[in-house]
Amino acid sequence: MEWWFGYLLAVNLVGWLLMGIDKRKAQRHAWRIKESTLFAVALVGGAVGSLAGMYMFRHKTRHARFVWGIPFILLIELILLLTYGRSLRY
């Protein structure tokens, strides 16, 4: 079970970093990170880090797809985590 914590920590750190990197690239008019990549990281467990990065770096906060999509992914991940956690107890 401990490896899950390491995985979640790593994927959330990646999500946070990608938001910061993409913001910096946007400011410099450089080649950007694909939105599908940002969403993919959130989907594989990095929604908390992605959401934190969005608001910490003020990046993608005007895009409804991100403002609603990332929290929705987080909600689904929390439901899955709670469901999985309950199944381990029984």
PDB file of N, CA and C in Angstrom:
ATOM      1  N   MET A   1       0.814  -1.197   0.000  1.00  0.00           N
ATOM      2  CA  MET A   1       0.000   0.000   0.000  1.00  0.00           C
ATOM      3  C   MET A   1       0.860   1.265   0.000  1.00  0.00           C
ATOM      4  N   GLU A   2       2.070   1.198   0.552  1.00  0.00           N
ATOM      5  CA  GLU A   2       2.914   2.393   0.635  1.00  0.00           C
ATOM      6  C   GLU A   2       3.319   2.926  -0.737  1.00  0.00           C
ATOM      7  N   TRP A   3       3.428   2.055  -1.720  1.00  0.00           N
ATOM      8  CA  TRP A   3       3.847   2.515  -3.046  1.00  0.00           C
ATOM      9  C   TRP A   3       2.816   3.457  -3.642  1.00  0.00           C
ATOM     10  N   TRP A   4       1.529   3.325  -3.263  1.00  0.00           N
ATOM     11  CA  TRP A   4       0.503   4.231  -3.754  1.00  0.00           C
ATOM     12  C   TRP A   4       0.765   5.667  -3.305  1.00  0.00           C
ATOM     13  N   PHE A   5       1.223   5.808  -2.077  1.00  0.00           N
ATOM     14  CA  PHE A   5       1.509   7.153  -1.577  1.00  0.00           C
ATOM     15  C   PHE A   5       2.664   7.787  -2.350  1.00  0.00           C
ATOM     16  N   GLY A   6       3.690   7.005  -2.621  1.00  0.00           N
ATOM     17  CA  GLY A   6       4.811   7.494  -3.420  1.00  0.00           C
ATOM     18  C   GLY A   6       4.388   7.849  -4.833  1.00  0.00           C
ATOM     19  N   TYR A   7       3.546   6.998  -5.420  1.00  0.00           N
ATOM     20  CA  TYR A   7       3.041   7.253  -6.769  1.00  0.00           C
ATOM     21  C   TYR A   7       2.229   8.545  -6.802  1.00  0.00           C
ATOM     22  N   LEU A   8       1.303   8.672  -5.854  1.00  0.00           N
ATOM     23  CA  LEU A   8       0.458   9.867  -5.833  1.00  0.00           C
ATOM     24  C   LEU A   8       1.272  11.132  -5.590  1.00  0.00           C
ATOM     25  N   LEU A   9       2.247  11.046  -4.726  1.00  0.00           N
ATOM     26  CA  LEU A   9       3.123  12.191  -4.484  1.00  0.00           C
ATOM     27  C   LEU A   9       3.862  12.577  -5.766  1.00  0.00           C
ATOM     28  N   ALA A  10       4.407  11.593  -6.456  1.00  0.00           N
ATOM     29  CA  ALA A  10       5.170  11.856  -7.680  1.00  0.00           C
ATOM     30  C   ALA A  10       4.291  12.425  -8.788  1.00  0.00           C
ATOM     31  N   VAL A  11       3.137  11.824  -9.033  1.00  0.00           N
ATOM     32  CA  VAL A  11       2.283  12.277 -10.130  1.00  0.00           C
ATOM     33  C   VAL A  11       1.697  13.654  -9.843  1.00  0.00           C
ATOM     34  N   ASN A  12       1.436  13.959  -8.581  1.00  0.00           N
ATOM     35  CA  ASN A  12       0.944  15.292  -8.249  1.00  0.00           C
ATOM     36  C   ASN A  12       2.038  16.342  -8.368  1.00  0.00           C
ATOM     37  N   LEU A  13       3.255  15.962  -8.024  1.00  0.00           N
ATOM     38  CA  LEU A  13       4.387  16.866  -8.224  1.00  0.00           C
ATOM     39  C   LEU A  13       4.578  17.154  -9.711  1.00  0.00           C
ATOM     40  N   VAL A  14       4.450  16.129 -10.534  1.00  0.00           N
ATOM     41  CA  VAL A  14       4.564  16.301 -11.991  1.00  0.00           C
ATOM     42  C   VAL A  14       3.464  17.238 -12.490  1.00  0.00           C
ATOM     43  N   GLY A  15       2.222  17.035 -12.030  1.00  0.00           N
ATOM     44  CA  GLY A  15       1.122  17.910 -12.440  1.00  0.00           C
ATOM     45  C   GLY A  15       1.368  19.357 -12.070  1.00  0.00           C
ATOM     46  N   TRP A  16       1.859  19.566 -10.852  1.00  0.00           N
ATOM     47  CA  TRP A  16       2.164  20.919 -10.392  1.00  0.00           C
ATOM     48  C   TRP A  16       3.287  21.547 -11.229  1.00  0.00           C
ATOM     49  N   LEU A  17       4.340  20.756 -11.451  1.00  0.00           N
ATOM     50  CA  LEU A  17       5.469  21.260 -12.237  1.00  0.00           C
ATOM     51  C   LEU A  17       5.074  21.581 -13.672  1.00  0.00           C
ATOM     52  N   LEU A  18       4.267  20.728 -14.282  1.00  0.00           N
ATOM     53  CA  LEU A  18       3.855  20.974 -15.664  1.00  0.00           C
ATOM     54  C   LEU A  18       3.061  22.265 -15.801  1.00  0.00           C
ATOM     55  N   MET A  19       2.226  22.560 -14.824  1.00  0.00           N
ATOM     56  CA  MET A  19       1.487  23.832 -14.866  1.00  0.00           C
ATOM     57  C   MET A  19       2.453  25.015 -14.781  1.00  0.00           C
ATOM     58  N   GLY A  20       3.438  24.914 -13.916  1.00  0.00           N
ATOM     59  CA  GLY A  20       4.427  25.985 -13.794  1.00  0.00           C
ATOM     60  C   GLY A  20       5.278  26.133 -15.040  1.00  0.00           C
ATOM     61  N   ILE A  21       5.701  25.014 -15.594  1.00  0.00           N
ATOM     62  CA  ILE A  21       6.519  25.048 -16.812  1.00  0.00           C
ATOM     63  C   ILE A  21       5.727  25.618 -17.977  1.00  0.00           C
ATOM     64  N   ASP A  22       4.463  25.179 -18.117  1.00  0.00           N
ATOM     65  CA  ASP A  22       3.648  25.675 -19.231  1.00  0.00           C
ATOM     66  C   ASP A  22       3.363  27.164 -19.084  1.00  0.00           C
ATOM     67  N   LYS A  23       3.166  27.635 -17.861  1.00  0.00           N
ATOM     68  CA  LYS A  23       2.962  29.067 -17.640  1.00  0.00           C
ATOM     69  C   LYS A  23       4.194  29.852 -18.065  1.00  0.00           C
ATOM     70  N   ARG A  24       5.352  29.357 -17.678  1.00  0.00           N
ATOM     71  CA  ARG A  24       6.599  30.044 -18.053  1.00  0.00           C
ATOM     72  C   ARG A  24       6.786  30.054 -19.575  1.00  0.00           C
ATOM     73  N   LYS A  25       6.469  28.929 -20.212  1.00  0.00           N
ATOM     74  CA  LYS A  25       6.574  28.865 -21.675  1.00  0.00           C
ATOM     75  C   LYS A  25       5.594  29.831 -22.330  1.00  0.00           C
ATOM     76  N   ALA A  26       4.399  29.949 -21.756  1.00  0.00           N
ATOM     77  CA  ALA A  26       3.406  30.874 -22.307  1.00  0.00           C
ATOM     78  C   ALA A  26       3.907  32.315 -22.222  1.00  0.00           C
ATOM     79  N   GLN A  27       4.529  32.664 -21.111  1.00  0.00           N
ATOM     80  CA  GLN A  27       5.049  34.019 -20.943  1.00  0.00           C
ATOM     81  C   GLN A  27       6.170  34.320 -21.928  1.00  0.00           C
ATOM     82  N   ARG A  28       6.915  33.294 -22.289  1.00  0.00           N
ATOM     83  CA  ARG A  28       8.052  33.475 -23.209  1.00  0.00           C
ATOM     84  C   ARG A  28       7.697  33.181 -24.662  1.00  0.00           C
ATOM     85  N   HIS A  29       6.421  32.900 -24.911  1.00  0.00           N
ATOM     86  CA  HIS A  29       5.938  32.568 -26.257  1.00  0.00           C
ATOM     87  C   HIS A  29       6.706  31.394 -26.850  1.00  0.00           C
ATOM     88  N   ALA A  30       6.998  30.428 -26.019  1.00  0.00           N
ATOM     89  CA  ALA A  30       7.750  29.241 -26.446  1.00  0.00           C
ATOM     90  C   ALA A  30       6.782  28.106 -26.756  1.00  0.00           C
ATOM     91  N   TRP A  31       7.357  27.002 -27.231  1.00  0.00           N
ATOM     92  CA  TRP A  31       6.585  25.802 -27.525  1.00  0.00           C
ATOM     93  C   TRP A  31       5.920  25.317 -26.239  1.00  0.00           C
ATOM     94  N   ARG A  32       4.598  25.064 -26.285  1.00  0.00           N
ATOM     95  CA  ARG A  32       3.806  24.781 -25.095  1.00  0.00           C
ATOM     96  C   ARG A  32       3.584  23.289 -24.865  1.00  0.00           C
ATOM     97  N   ILE A  33       3.183  22.962 -23.653  1.00  0.00           N
ATOM     98  CA  ILE A  33       2.787  21.606 -23.292  1.00  0.00           C
ATOM     99  C   ILE A  33       1.342  21.425 -23.751  1.00  0.00           C
ATOM    100  N   LYS A  34       1.043  20.303 -24.392  1.00  0.00           N
ATOM    101  CA  LYS A  34      -0.308  20.063 -24.900  1.00  0.00           C
ATOM    102  C   LYS A  34      -1.308  20.000 -23.745  1.00  0.00           C
ATOM    103  N   GLU A  35      -2.498  20.541 -23.981  1.00  0.00           N
ATOM    104  CA  GLU A  35      -3.553  20.473 -22.977  1.00  0.00           C
ATOM    105  C   GLU A  35      -3.908  19.029 -22.664  1.00  0.00           C
ATOM    106  N   SER A  36      -3.841  18.171 -23.667  1.00  0.00           N
ATOM    107  CA  SER A  36      -4.148  16.754 -23.440  1.00  0.00           C
ATOM    108  C   SER A  36      -3.146  16.130 -22.470  1.00  0.00           C
ATOM    109  N   THR A  37      -1.913  16.582 -22.500  1.00  0.00           N
ATOM    110  CA  THR A  37      -0.908  16.091 -21.558  1.00  0.00           C
ATOM    111  C   THR A  37      -1.231  16.552 -20.145  1.00  0.00           C
ATOM    112  N   LEU A  38      -1.625  17.809 -20.007  1.00  0.00           N
ATOM    113  CA  LEU A  38      -1.988  18.342 -18.690  1.00  0.00           C
ATOM    114  C   LEU A  38      -3.175  17.572 -18.105  1.00  0.00           C
ATOM    115  N   PHE A  39      -4.167  17.289 -18.948  1.00  0.00           N
ATOM    116  CA  PHE A  39      -5.320  16.517 -18.493  1.00  0.00           C
ATOM    117  C   PHE A  39      -4.944  15.071 -18.198  1.00  0.00           C
ATOM    118  N   ALA A  40      -4.061  14.488 -18.996  1.00  0.00           N
ATOM    119  CA  ALA A  40      -3.660  13.093 -18.785  1.00  0.00           C
ATOM    120  C   ALA A  40      -2.995  12.917 -17.428  1.00  0.00           C
ATOM    121  N   VAL A  41      -2.145  13.860 -17.055  1.00  0.00           N
ATOM    122  CA  VAL A  41      -1.483  13.780 -15.752  1.00  0.00           C
ATOM    123  C   VAL A  41      -2.523  13.864 -14.636  1.00  0.00           C
ATOM    124  N   ALA A  42      -3.505  14.741 -14.802  1.00  0.00           N
ATOM    125  CA  ALA A  42      -4.573  14.839 -13.804  1.00  0.00           C
ATOM    126  C   ALA A  42      -5.368  13.534 -13.732  1.00  0.00           C
ATOM    127  N   LEU A  43      -5.629  12.931 -14.871  1.00  0.00           N
ATOM    128  CA  LEU A  43      -6.415  11.698 -14.923  1.00  0.00           C
ATOM    129  C   LEU A  43      -5.730  10.508 -14.277  1.00  0.00           C
ATOM    130  N   VAL A  44      -4.425  10.471 -14.289  1.00  0.00           N
ATOM    131  CA  VAL A  44      -3.714   9.319 -13.712  1.00  0.00           C
ATOM    132  C   VAL A  44      -3.390   9.525 -12.237  1.00  0.00           C
ATOM    133  N   GLY A  45      -4.051  10.489 -11.615  1.00  0.00           N
ATOM    134  CA  GLY A  45      -3.893  10.681 -10.177  1.00  0.00           C
ATOM    135  C   GLY A  45      -3.311  12.017  -9.767  1.00  0.00           C
ATOM    136  N   GLY A  46      -3.007  12.882 -10.728  1.00  0.00           N
ATOM    137  CA  GLY A  46      -2.351  14.142 -10.407  1.00  0.00           C
ATOM    138  C   GLY A  46      -3.259  15.349 -10.371  1.00  0.00           C
ATOM    139  N   ALA A  47      -4.544  15.142 -10.100  1.00  0.00           N
ATOM    140  CA  ALA A  47      -5.491  16.258 -10.119  1.00  0.00           C
ATOM    141  C   ALA A  47      -5.216  17.280  -9.014  1.00  0.00           C
ATOM    142  N   VAL A  48      -4.803  16.831  -7.846  1.00  0.00           N
ATOM    143  CA  VAL A  48      -4.525  17.760  -6.743  1.00  0.00           C
ATOM    144  C   VAL A  48      -3.360  18.678  -7.117  1.00  0.00           C
ATOM    145  N   GLY A  49      -2.283  18.099  -7.610  1.00  0.00           N
ATOM    146  CA  GLY A  49      -1.124  18.892  -8.008  1.00  0.00           C
ATOM    147  C   GLY A  49      -1.427  19.815  -9.173  1.00  0.00           C
ATOM    148  N   SER A  50      -2.199  19.314 -10.142  1.00  0.00           N
ATOM    149  CA  SER A  50      -2.570  20.145 -11.287  1.00  0.00           C
ATOM    150  C   SER A  50      -3.424  21.323 -10.855  1.00  0.00           C
ATOM    151  N   LEU A  51      -4.382  21.063  -9.973  1.00  0.00           N
ATOM    152  CA  LEU A  51      -5.244  22.135  -9.483  1.00  0.00           C
ATOM    153  C   LEU A  51      -4.436  23.149  -8.669  1.00  0.00           C
ATOM    154  N   ALA A  52      -3.558  22.657  -7.832  1.00  0.00           N
ATOM    155  CA  ALA A  52      -2.698  23.556  -7.049  1.00  0.00           C
ATOM    156  C   ALA A  52      -1.824  24.390  -7.979  1.00  0.00           C
ATOM    157  N   GLY A  53      -1.262  23.778  -9.002  1.00  0.00           N
ATOM    158  CA  GLY A  53      -0.436  24.499  -9.963  1.00  0.00           C
ATOM    159  C   GLY A  53      -1.221  25.534 -10.744  1.00  0.00           C
ATOM    160  N   MET A  54      -2.457  25.189 -11.106  1.00  0.00           N
ATOM    161  CA  MET A  54      -3.298  26.145 -11.829  1.00  0.00           C
ATOM    162  C   MET A  54      -3.431  27.445 -11.060  1.00  0.00           C
ATOM    163  N   TYR A  55      -3.738  27.318  -9.785  1.00  0.00           N
ATOM    164  CA  TYR A  55      -4.006  28.529  -9.004  1.00  0.00           C
ATOM    165  C   TYR A  55      -2.740  29.169  -8.440  1.00  0.00           C
ATOM    166  N   MET A  56      -1.733  28.372  -8.159  1.00  0.00           N
ATOM    167  CA  MET A  56      -0.483  28.950  -7.663  1.00  0.00           C
ATOM    168  C   MET A  56       0.213  29.761  -8.756  1.00  0.00           C
ATOM    169  N   PHE A  57       0.205  29.228  -9.978  1.00  0.00           N
ATOM    170  CA  PHE A  57       0.868  29.913 -11.092  1.00  0.00           C
ATOM    171  C   PHE A  57      -0.102  30.779 -11.896  1.00  0.00           C
ATOM    172  N   ARG A  58      -1.382  30.784 -11.498  1.00  0.00           N
ATOM    173  CA  ARG A  58      -2.433  31.513 -12.222  1.00  0.00           C
ATOM    174  C   ARG A  58      -2.411  31.149 -13.701  1.00  0.00           C
ATOM    175  N   HIS A  59      -2.494  29.847 -13.934  1.00  0.00           N
ATOM    176  CA  HIS A  59      -2.396  29.337 -15.295  1.00  0.00           C
ATOM    177  C   HIS A  59      -3.622  28.505 -15.632  1.00  0.00           C
ATOM    178  N   LYS A  60      -4.218  28.780 -16.754  1.00  0.00           N
ATOM    179  CA  LYS A  60      -5.406  28.094 -17.259  1.00  0.00           C
ATOM    180  C   LYS A  60      -6.645  28.375 -16.414  1.00  0.00           C
ATOM    181  N   THR A  61      -6.605  29.419 -15.600  1.00  0.00           N
ATOM    182  CA  THR A  61      -7.735  29.720 -14.722  1.00  0.00           C
ATOM    183  C   THR A  61      -8.854  30.458 -15.449  1.00  0.00           C
ATOM    184  N   ARG A  62      -8.633  30.850 -16.663  1.00  0.00           N
ATOM    185  CA  ARG A  62      -9.678  31.502 -17.462  1.00  0.00           C
ATOM    186  C   ARG A  62     -10.284  30.544 -18.485  1.00  0.00           C
ATOM    187  N   HIS A  63      -9.808  29.326 -18.493  1.00  0.00           N
ATOM    188  CA  HIS A  63     -10.308  28.321 -19.429  1.00  0.00           C
ATOM    189  C   HIS A  63     -11.311  27.428 -18.710  1.00  0.00           C
ATOM    190  N   ALA A  64     -12.567  27.511 -19.119  1.00  0.00           N
ATOM    191  CA  ALA A  64     -13.628  26.744 -18.452  1.00  0.00           C
ATOM    192  C   ALA A  64     -13.318  25.251 -18.448  1.00  0.00           C
ATOM    193  N   ARG A  65     -12.693  24.772 -19.507  1.00  0.00           N
ATOM    194  CA  ARG A  65     -12.345  23.348 -19.593  1.00  0.00           C
ATOM    195  C   ARG A  65     -11.477  22.933 -18.409  1.00  0.00           C
ATOM    196  N   PHE A  66     -10.573  23.786 -17.987  1.00  0.00           N
ATOM    197  CA  PHE A  66      -9.693  23.482 -16.864  1.00  0.00           C
ATOM    198  C   PHE A  66     -10.353  23.820 -15.523  1.00  0.00           C
ATOM    199  N   VAL A  67     -11.038  24.951 -15.463  1.00  0.00           N
ATOM    200  CA  VAL A  67     -11.669  25.379 -14.213  1.00  0.00           C
ATOM    201  C   VAL A  67     -12.703  24.366 -13.745  1.00  0.00           C
ATOM    202  N   TRP A  68     -13.401  23.730 -14.676  1.00  0.00           N
ATOM    203  CA  TRP A  68     -14.392  22.716 -14.324  1.00  0.00           C
ATOM    204  C   TRP A  68     -13.833  21.305 -14.450  1.00  0.00           C
ATOM    205  N   GLY A  69     -12.971  21.097 -15.427  1.00  0.00           N
ATOM    206  CA  GLY A  69     -12.472  19.745 -15.715  1.00  0.00           C
ATOM    207  C   GLY A  69     -11.556  19.175 -14.653  1.00  0.00           C
ATOM    208  N   ILE A  70     -10.587  19.937 -14.204  1.00  0.00           N
ATOM    209  CA  ILE A  70      -9.640  19.431 -13.207  1.00  0.00           C
ATOM    210  C   ILE A  70     -10.337  19.147 -11.872  1.00  0.00           C
ATOM    211  N   PRO A  71     -11.185  20.042 -11.355  1.00  0.00           N
ATOM    212  CA  PRO A  71     -11.906  19.693 -10.126  1.00  0.00           C
ATOM    213  C   PRO A  71     -12.826  18.477 -10.302  1.00  0.00           C
ATOM    214  N   PHE A  72     -13.423  18.322 -11.490  1.00  0.00           N
ATOM    215  CA  PHE A  72     -14.267  17.153 -11.749  1.00  0.00           C
ATOM    216  C   PHE A  72     -13.437  15.869 -11.693  1.00  0.00           C
ATOM    217  N   ILE A  73     -12.266  15.903 -12.300  1.00  0.00           N
ATOM    218  CA  ILE A  73     -11.371  14.746 -12.243  1.00  0.00           C
ATOM    219  C   ILE A  73     -10.982  14.453 -10.798  1.00  0.00           C
ATOM    220  N   LEU A  74     -10.699  15.494 -10.032  1.00  0.00           N
ATOM    221  CA  LEU A  74     -10.361  15.328  -8.613  1.00  0.00           C
ATOM    222  C   LEU A  74     -11.518  14.679  -7.854  1.00  0.00           C
ATOM    223  N   LEU A  75     -12.732  15.126  -8.116  1.00  0.00           N
ATOM    224  CA  LEU A  75     -13.902  14.540  -7.466  1.00  0.00           C
ATOM    225  C   LEU A  75     -14.025  13.050  -7.780  1.00  0.00           C
ATOM    226  N   ILE A  76     -13.856  12.692  -9.033  1.00  0.00           N
ATOM    227  CA  ILE A  76     -13.920  11.284  -9.439  1.00  0.00           C
ATOM    228  C   ILE A  76     -12.813  10.486  -8.746  1.00  0.00           C
ATOM    229  N   GLU A  77     -11.611  11.058  -8.690  1.00  0.00           N
ATOM    230  CA  GLU A  77     -10.497  10.369  -8.030  1.00  0.00           C
ATOM    231  C   GLU A  77     -10.778  10.165  -6.541  1.00  0.00           C
ATOM    232  N   LEU A  78     -11.367  11.159  -5.888  1.00  0.00           N
ATOM    233  CA  LEU A  78     -11.704  11.018  -4.472  1.00  0.00           C
ATOM    234  C   LEU A  78     -12.762   9.943  -4.251  1.00  0.00           C
ATOM    235  N   ILE A  79     -13.754   9.901  -5.111  1.00  0.00           N
ATOM    236  CA  ILE A  79     -14.789   8.864  -5.016  1.00  0.00           C
ATOM    237  C   ILE A  79     -14.165   7.482  -5.194  1.00  0.00           C
ATOM    238  N   LEU A  80     -13.300   7.345  -6.186  1.00  0.00           N
ATOM    239  CA  LEU A  80     -12.636   6.057  -6.410  1.00  0.00           C
ATOM    240  C   LEU A  80     -11.753   5.677  -5.228  1.00  0.00           C
ATOM    241  N   LEU A  81     -11.045   6.649  -4.684  1.00  0.00           N
ATOM    242  CA  LEU A  81     -10.173   6.386  -3.544  1.00  0.00           C
ATOM    243  C   LEU A  81     -10.976   5.944  -2.324  1.00  0.00           C
ATOM    244  N   LEU A  82     -12.074   6.631  -2.062  1.00  0.00           N
ATOM    245  CA  LEU A  82     -12.925   6.260  -0.930  1.00  0.00           C
ATOM    246  C   LEU A  82     -13.555   4.887  -1.133  1.00  0.00           C
ATOM    247  N   THR A  83     -13.990   4.599  -2.349  1.00  0.00           N
ATOM    248  CA  THR A  83     -14.577   3.302  -2.656  1.00  0.00           C
ATOM    249  C   THR A  83     -13.538   2.208  -2.503  1.00  0.00           C
ATOM    250  N   TYR A  84     -12.351   2.439  -3.027  1.00  0.00           N
ATOM    251  CA  TYR A  84     -11.278   1.453  -2.926  1.00  0.00           C
ATOM    252  C   TYR A  84     -10.847   1.265  -1.466  1.00  0.00           C
ATOM    253  N   GLY A  85     -10.779   2.349  -0.731  1.00  0.00           N
ATOM    254  CA  GLY A  85     -10.395   2.285   0.685  1.00  0.00           C
ATOM    255  C   GLY A  85     -11.385   1.488   1.510  1.00  0.00           C
ATOM    256  N   ARG A  86     -12.648   1.655   1.234  1.00  0.00           N
ATOM    257  CA  ARG A  86     -13.681   0.891   1.958  1.00  0.00           C
ATOM    258  C   ARG A  86     -13.592  -0.596   1.634  1.00  0.00           C
ATOM    259  N   SER A  87     -13.285  -0.918   0.391  1.00  0.00           N
ATOM    260  CA  SER A  87     -13.214  -2.323   0.015  1.00  0.00           C
ATOM    261  C   SER A  87     -12.023  -3.010   0.693  1.00  0.00           C
ATOM    262  N   LEU A  88     -11.010  -2.279   1.050  1.00  0.00           N
ATOM    263  CA  LEU A  88      -9.848  -2.856   1.734  1.00  0.00           C
ATOM    264  C   LEU A  88     -10.173  -3.196   3.186  1.00  0.00           C
ATOM    265  N   ARG A  89     -11.107  -2.482   3.785  1.00  0.00           N
ATOM    266  CA  ARG A  89     -11.449  -2.702   5.193  1.00  0.00           C
ATOM    267  C   ARG A  89     -12.239  -3.974   5.409  1.00  0.00           C
ATOM    268  N   TYR A  90     -12.980  -4.416   4.409  1.00  0.00           N
ATOM    269  CA  TYR A  90     -13.863  -5.565   4.600  1.00  0.00           C
ATOM    270  C   TYR A  90     -13.247  -6.853   4.165  1.00  0.00           C
TER     271      TYR A  90
END
